[in-house]
Amino acid sequence: MVIFGGILWFVFALMVGFGARNRNRSFLGYFILSCIFSPLVSFIILVILGPKR
C-alpha cells in the first residue's frame, strides 16, 4: 500500500509539473515543490499565481 501511495504522489507531482509548464512556469521547480510538500499544495499555489506573462 505504501508503494501505491508513493506512485500516486509521483504521478500527481508530474501532473503539477506539466501544468506549470503549460502556464510558462518551471516544470522542475514545481515538480520538486510537489515532491517535498504535496501535489495539492503546489497545485493551489500554481492556480493562485496564474500564467506567467
Protein backbone atom coordinates (compact mmCIF):
# COMPACT_ATOMS: atom_id res chain seq x y z
CA MET A 1 0.00 0.00 0.00
CA VAL A 2 2.88 2.39 0.72
CA ILE A 3 4.32 1.76 -2.74
CA PHE A 4 0.96 2.56 -4.33
CA GLY A 5 0.78 5.83 -2.38
CA GLY A 6 4.31 6.74 -3.45
CA ILE A 7 3.47 6.06 -7.08
CA LEU A 8 0.34 8.22 -6.83
CA TRP A 9 2.34 11.02 -5.17
CA PHE A 10 4.88 10.87 -8.02
CA VAL A 11 2.19 10.85 -10.72
CA PHE A 12 0.37 13.82 -9.18
CA ALA A 13 3.69 15.67 -8.82
CA LEU A 14 4.33 15.07 -12.53
CA MET A 15 0.86 16.39 -13.35
CA VAL A 16 1.55 19.58 -11.41
CA GLY A 17 4.89 19.92 -13.21
CA PHE A 18 3.25 19.60 -16.62
CA GLY A 19 0.55 22.06 -15.56
CA ALA A 20 3.27 24.51 -14.58
CA ARG A 21 4.97 24.05 -17.95
CA ASN A 22 1.68 24.80 -19.72
CA ARG A 23 1.46 28.04 -17.72
CA ASN A 24 5.03 29.03 -18.71
CA ARG A 25 6.45 28.23 -15.29
CA SER A 26 9.29 25.90 -14.28
CA PHE A 27 8.42 22.21 -14.67
CA LEU A 28 11.33 21.11 -12.49
CA GLY A 29 10.67 23.71 -9.80
CA TYR A 30 7.03 22.78 -9.37
CA PHE A 31 7.79 19.07 -9.61
CA ILE A 32 10.33 19.32 -6.78
CA LEU A 33 7.98 21.53 -4.78
CA SER A 34 5.26 18.88 -5.20
CA CYS A 35 7.59 16.11 -4.11
CA ILE A 36 8.70 17.98 -0.99
CA PHE A 37 5.40 19.44 0.22
CA SER A 38 2.45 17.92 -1.58
CA PRO A 39 0.98 17.98 -5.06
CA LEU A 40 -2.21 19.56 -3.72
CA VAL A 41 -0.38 22.49 -2.10
CA SER A 42 1.74 23.01 -5.22
CA PHE A 43 -1.34 22.90 -7.43
CA ILE A 44 -3.08 25.52 -5.29
CA ILE A 45 -0.01 27.77 -5.48
CA LEU A 46 0.11 27.28 -9.25
CA VAL A 47 -3.57 28.20 -9.67
CA ILE A 48 -3.29 31.27 -7.43
CA LEU A 49 -0.24 32.60 -9.28
CA GLY A 50 -1.76 32.00 -12.70
CA PRO A 51 0.11 32.02 -16.00
CA LYS A 52 3.43 33.79 -16.29
CA ARG A 53 3.39 36.72 -18.69
